[in-house]
Amino acid sequence: MPAPATFQAYLGATFVRSYATEAALTIGNQTFSRYEVAHDFDCPVTRRAMIILSEALKRLGVRTVKDAMAINAIDLADLPGVGTTTLYLFLCWQRAQRHNSDAALAAWYGDAVTFTTLQRRVAKRKEREAPPRRRR
């Protein structure tokens, strides 16, 4: 995929600067532009998903790439605002870190269940662990 700067005459300098150079995703101590996410991870997702993932990983206390590699899908399912698109972005990053190894990614993800199912499981677990409501 050619760099956006190649098409600056057609796309405009503002687009090229925001797409190719502005930080859009931060995972641990690494920062990526939208171009890097689309090209290096082969993951054309929205900027909003990148912002949500960056904030979610901060909430989980991720400071290094090693910390991020230890994050599991169930950890992300517990965070508000994190949806399937955000998980997709994180899985693309995980796959790129493991040198495009689908087998390693499958081992990381665990059970073959959807992200929505993981989110429901977390919600049910929270309901069971919550203290009983007091009646008046």
C-alpha atoms as a PDB file:
ATOM      1  CA  MET A   1       0.000   0.000   0.000  1.00  0.00           C
ATOM      2  CA  PRO A   2       1.536   3.323  -0.978  1.00  0.00           C
ATOM      3  CA  ALA A   3       2.019   5.950   1.687  1.00  0.00           C
ATOM      4  CA  PRO A   4      -0.616   8.689   1.761  1.00  0.00           C
ATOM      5  CA  ALA A   5       2.089  11.280   1.033  1.00  0.00           C
ATOM      6  CA  THR A   6       2.241   9.807  -2.472  1.00  0.00           C
ATOM      7  CA  PHE A   7      -1.281  11.120  -3.033  1.00  0.00           C
ATOM      8  CA  GLN A   8      -0.909  14.452  -1.212  1.00  0.00           C
ATOM      9  CA  ALA A   9      -1.777  16.415  -4.354  1.00  0.00           C
ATOM     10  CA  TYR A  10      -5.134  14.603  -4.468  1.00  0.00           C
ATOM     11  CA  LEU A  11      -5.872  14.105  -0.768  1.00  0.00           C
ATOM     12  CA  GLY A  12      -4.560  17.360   0.636  1.00  0.00           C
ATOM     13  CA  ALA A  13      -1.867  18.055   3.212  1.00  0.00           C
ATOM     14  CA  THR A  14      -4.284  18.033   6.166  1.00  0.00           C
ATOM     15  CA  PHE A  15      -5.472  14.497   5.423  1.00  0.00           C
ATOM     16  CA  VAL A  16      -1.941  13.222   4.866  1.00  0.00           C
ATOM     17  CA  ARG A  17      -0.725  14.799   8.104  1.00  0.00           C
ATOM     18  CA  SER A  18      -3.600  13.385  10.178  1.00  0.00           C
ATOM     19  CA  TYR A  19      -3.598   9.977   8.518  1.00  0.00           C
ATOM     20  CA  ALA A  20       0.125   9.363   8.251  1.00  0.00           C
ATOM     21  CA  THR A  21       1.706  11.142  11.184  1.00  0.00           C
ATOM     22  CA  GLU A  22      -0.729  11.875  14.027  1.00  0.00           C
ATOM     23  CA  ALA A  23      -0.782   9.359  16.844  1.00  0.00           C
ATOM     24  CA  ALA A  24      -4.061   7.438  16.705  1.00  0.00           C
ATOM     25  CA  LEU A  25      -3.363   4.307  18.752  1.00  0.00           C
ATOM     26  CA  THR A  26      -1.212   3.841  21.831  1.00  0.00           C
ATOM     27  CA  ILE A  27      -0.498   0.342  23.126  1.00  0.00           C
ATOM     28  CA  GLY A  28       1.901   0.246  26.025  1.00  0.00           C
ATOM     29  CA  ASN A  29       4.915   2.312  25.065  1.00  0.00           C
ATOM     30  CA  GLN A  30       4.222   2.116  21.313  1.00  0.00           C
ATOM     31  CA  THR A  31       2.297   4.709  19.336  1.00  0.00           C
ATOM     32  CA  PHE A  32       0.892   4.135  15.859  1.00  0.00           C
ATOM     33  CA  SER A  33      -0.610   6.367  13.188  1.00  0.00           C
ATOM     34  CA  ARG A  34      -3.765   5.447  11.289  1.00  0.00           C
ATOM     35  CA  TYR A  35      -1.610   4.557   8.283  1.00  0.00           C
ATOM     36  CA  GLU A  36       0.497   2.159  10.362  1.00  0.00           C
ATOM     37  CA  VAL A  37      -2.617   0.479  11.746  1.00  0.00           C
ATOM     38  CA  ALA A  38      -4.108   0.040   8.278  1.00  0.00           C
ATOM     39  CA  HIS A  39      -0.850  -0.970   6.583  1.00  0.00           C
ATOM     40  CA  ASP A  40       1.204  -2.806   9.207  1.00  0.00           C
ATOM     41  CA  PHE A  41      -1.668  -4.524  11.019  1.00  0.00           C
ATOM     42  CA  ASP A  42      -3.849  -4.874   7.922  1.00  0.00           C
ATOM     43  CA  CYS A  43      -6.711  -3.518  10.008  1.00  0.00           C
ATOM     44  CA  PRO A  44      -8.775  -0.691   8.489  1.00  0.00           C
ATOM     45  CA  VAL A  45     -10.829   0.329  11.520  1.00  0.00           C
ATOM     46  CA  THR A  46     -12.133   3.701  12.627  1.00  0.00           C
ATOM     47  CA  ARG A  47     -10.176   6.253  14.582  1.00  0.00           C
ATOM     48  CA  ARG A  48     -12.817   5.989  17.318  1.00  0.00           C
ATOM     49  CA  ALA A  49     -11.975   2.307  17.859  1.00  0.00           C
ATOM     50  CA  MET A  50      -8.307   3.274  18.195  1.00  0.00           C
ATOM     51  CA  ILE A  51      -9.125   5.882  20.836  1.00  0.00           C
ATOM     52  CA  ILE A  52     -11.342   3.433  22.761  1.00  0.00           C
ATOM     53  CA  LEU A  53      -8.631   0.746  22.708  1.00  0.00           C
ATOM     54  CA  SER A  54      -5.937   3.190  23.836  1.00  0.00           C
ATOM     55  CA  GLU A  55      -8.107   4.329  26.764  1.00  0.00           C
ATOM     56  CA  ALA A  56      -9.127   0.762  27.664  1.00  0.00           C
ATOM     57  CA  LEU A  57      -5.516  -0.376  27.860  1.00  0.00           C
ATOM     58  CA  LYS A  58      -4.667   2.619  30.043  1.00  0.00           C
ATOM     59  CA  ARG A  59      -7.518   1.626  32.394  1.00  0.00           C
ATOM     60  CA  LEU A  60      -6.054  -1.871  32.565  1.00  0.00           C
ATOM     61  CA  GLY A  61      -2.674  -0.398  33.575  1.00  0.00           C
ATOM     62  CA  VAL A  62      -0.802  -1.374  30.407  1.00  0.00           C
ATOM     63  CA  ARG A  63       2.552   0.406  30.285  1.00  0.00           C
ATOM     64  CA  THR A  64       4.620  -1.820  28.020  1.00  0.00           C
ATOM     65  CA  VAL A  65       4.090  -4.091  25.050  1.00  0.00           C
ATOM     66  CA  LYS A  66       4.721  -7.058  27.341  1.00  0.00           C
ATOM     67  CA  ASP A  67       1.835  -5.906  29.562  1.00  0.00           C
ATOM     68  CA  ALA A  68      -0.407  -5.595  26.500  1.00  0.00           C
ATOM     69  CA  MET A  69       0.496  -9.099  25.339  1.00  0.00           C
ATOM     70  CA  ALA A  70      -0.762 -10.424  28.692  1.00  0.00           C
ATOM     71  CA  ILE A  71      -4.218  -8.872  28.186  1.00  0.00           C
ATOM     72  CA  ASN A  72      -6.953 -11.369  27.400  1.00  0.00           C
ATOM     73  CA  ALA A  73     -10.240 -10.903  25.559  1.00  0.00           C
ATOM     74  CA  ILE A  74     -12.162 -11.390  28.800  1.00  0.00           C
ATOM     75  CA  ASP A  75     -10.255  -8.438  30.314  1.00  0.00           C
ATOM     76  CA  LEU A  76     -11.450  -6.198  27.495  1.00  0.00           C
ATOM     77  CA  ALA A  77     -15.008  -7.542  27.723  1.00  0.00           C
ATOM     78  CA  ASP A  78     -15.277  -6.114  31.224  1.00  0.00           C
ATOM     79  CA  LEU A  79     -14.633  -2.518  30.153  1.00  0.00           C
ATOM     80  CA  PRO A  80     -17.425  -0.130  29.186  1.00  0.00           C
ATOM     81  CA  GLY A  81     -17.307   1.137  25.612  1.00  0.00           C
ATOM     82  CA  VAL A  82     -15.211  -1.739  24.304  1.00  0.00           C
ATOM     83  CA  GLY A  83     -17.012  -3.547  21.518  1.00  0.00           C
ATOM     84  CA  THR A  84     -16.323  -5.971  18.728  1.00  0.00           C
ATOM     85  CA  THR A  85     -14.555  -3.412  16.516  1.00  0.00           C
ATOM     86  CA  THR A  86     -12.182  -2.502  19.340  1.00  0.00           C
ATOM     87  CA  LEU A  87     -11.453  -6.167  19.981  1.00  0.00           C
ATOM     88  CA  TYR A  88     -10.863  -6.662  16.249  1.00  0.00           C
ATOM     89  CA  LEU A  89      -8.255  -3.896  16.320  1.00  0.00           C
ATOM     90  CA  PHE A  90      -6.555  -5.448  19.353  1.00  0.00           C
ATOM     91  CA  LEU A  91      -6.561  -8.895  17.718  1.00  0.00           C
ATOM     92  CA  CYS A  92      -4.961  -7.412  14.584  1.00  0.00           C
ATOM     93  CA  TRP A  93      -2.246  -5.848  16.749  1.00  0.00           C
ATOM     94  CA  GLN A  94      -1.735  -9.140  18.611  1.00  0.00           C
ATOM     95  CA  ARG A  95      -1.473 -10.990  15.305  1.00  0.00           C
ATOM     96  CA  ALA A  96       1.133  -8.514  14.012  1.00  0.00           C
ATOM     97  CA  GLN A  97       3.142  -8.852  17.236  1.00  0.00           C
ATOM     98  CA  ARG A  98       3.138 -12.622  16.839  1.00  0.00           C
ATOM     99  CA  HIS A  99       4.315 -12.273  13.242  1.00  0.00           C
ATOM    100  CA  ASN A 100       0.941 -13.086  11.718  1.00  0.00           C
ATOM    101  CA  SER A 101       0.594 -16.369  13.543  1.00  0.00           C
ATOM    102  CA  ASP A 102      -3.071 -17.365  13.579  1.00  0.00           C
ATOM    103  CA  ALA A 103      -2.308 -20.392  15.772  1.00  0.00           C
ATOM    104  CA  ALA A 104      -0.752 -18.194  18.462  1.00  0.00           C
ATOM    105  CA  LEU A 105      -3.691 -15.805  18.226  1.00  0.00           C
ATOM    106  CA  ALA A 106      -6.194 -18.643  18.652  1.00  0.00           C
ATOM    107  CA  ALA A 107      -4.321 -19.788  21.754  1.00  0.00           C
ATOM    108  CA  TRP A 108      -4.467 -16.251  23.147  1.00  0.00           C
ATOM    109  CA  TYR A 109      -8.198 -15.833  22.512  1.00  0.00           C
ATOM    110  CA  GLY A 110      -9.218 -19.093  24.137  1.00  0.00           C
ATOM    111  CA  ASP A 111     -12.722 -20.517  23.696  1.00  0.00           C
ATOM    112  CA  ALA A 112     -14.379 -20.129  20.329  1.00  0.00           C
ATOM    113  CA  VAL A 113     -17.104 -17.778  21.550  1.00  0.00           C
ATOM    114  CA  THR A 114     -18.084 -14.368  20.324  1.00  0.00           C
ATOM    115  CA  PHE A 115     -17.041 -11.202  22.096  1.00  0.00           C
ATOM    116  CA  THR A 116     -20.692 -10.467  22.855  1.00  0.00           C
ATOM    117  CA  THR A 117     -20.903 -13.809  24.684  1.00  0.00           C
ATOM    118  CA  LEU A 118     -17.830 -12.883  26.723  1.00  0.00           C
ATOM    119  CA  GLN A 119     -19.423  -9.553  27.626  1.00  0.00           C
ATOM    120  CA  ARG A 120     -22.635 -11.299  28.740  1.00  0.00           C
ATOM    121  CA  ARG A 121     -20.648 -13.739  30.867  1.00  0.00           C
ATOM    122  CA  VAL A 122     -18.868 -10.870  32.598  1.00  0.00           C
ATOM    123  CA  ALA A 123     -22.183  -9.073  33.236  1.00  0.00           C
ATOM    124  CA  LYS A 124     -23.759 -12.229  34.707  1.00  0.00           C
ATOM    125  CA  ARG A 125     -20.721 -12.814  36.914  1.00  0.00           C
ATOM    126  CA  LYS A 126     -21.003  -9.247  38.221  1.00  0.00           C
ATOM    127  CA  GLU A 127     -24.710  -9.805  38.969  1.00  0.00           C
ATOM    128  CA  ARG A 128     -23.937 -12.978  40.931  1.00  0.00           C
ATOM    129  CA  GLU A 129     -21.145 -11.298  42.896  1.00  0.00           C
ATOM    130  CA  ALA A 130     -23.108  -8.131  43.661  1.00  0.00           C
ATOM    131  CA  PRO A 131     -24.560  -7.803  47.145  1.00  0.00           C
ATOM    132  CA  PRO A 132     -28.311  -8.515  47.322  1.00  0.00           C
ATOM    133  CA  ARG A 133     -30.628  -5.538  47.002  1.00  0.00           C
ATOM    134  CA  ARG A 134     -32.255  -4.353  50.182  1.00  0.00           C
ATOM    135  CA  ARG A 135     -36.011  -4.162  50.201  1.00  0.00           C
ATOM    136  CA  ARG A 136     -37.975  -1.558  52.063  1.00  0.00           C
END
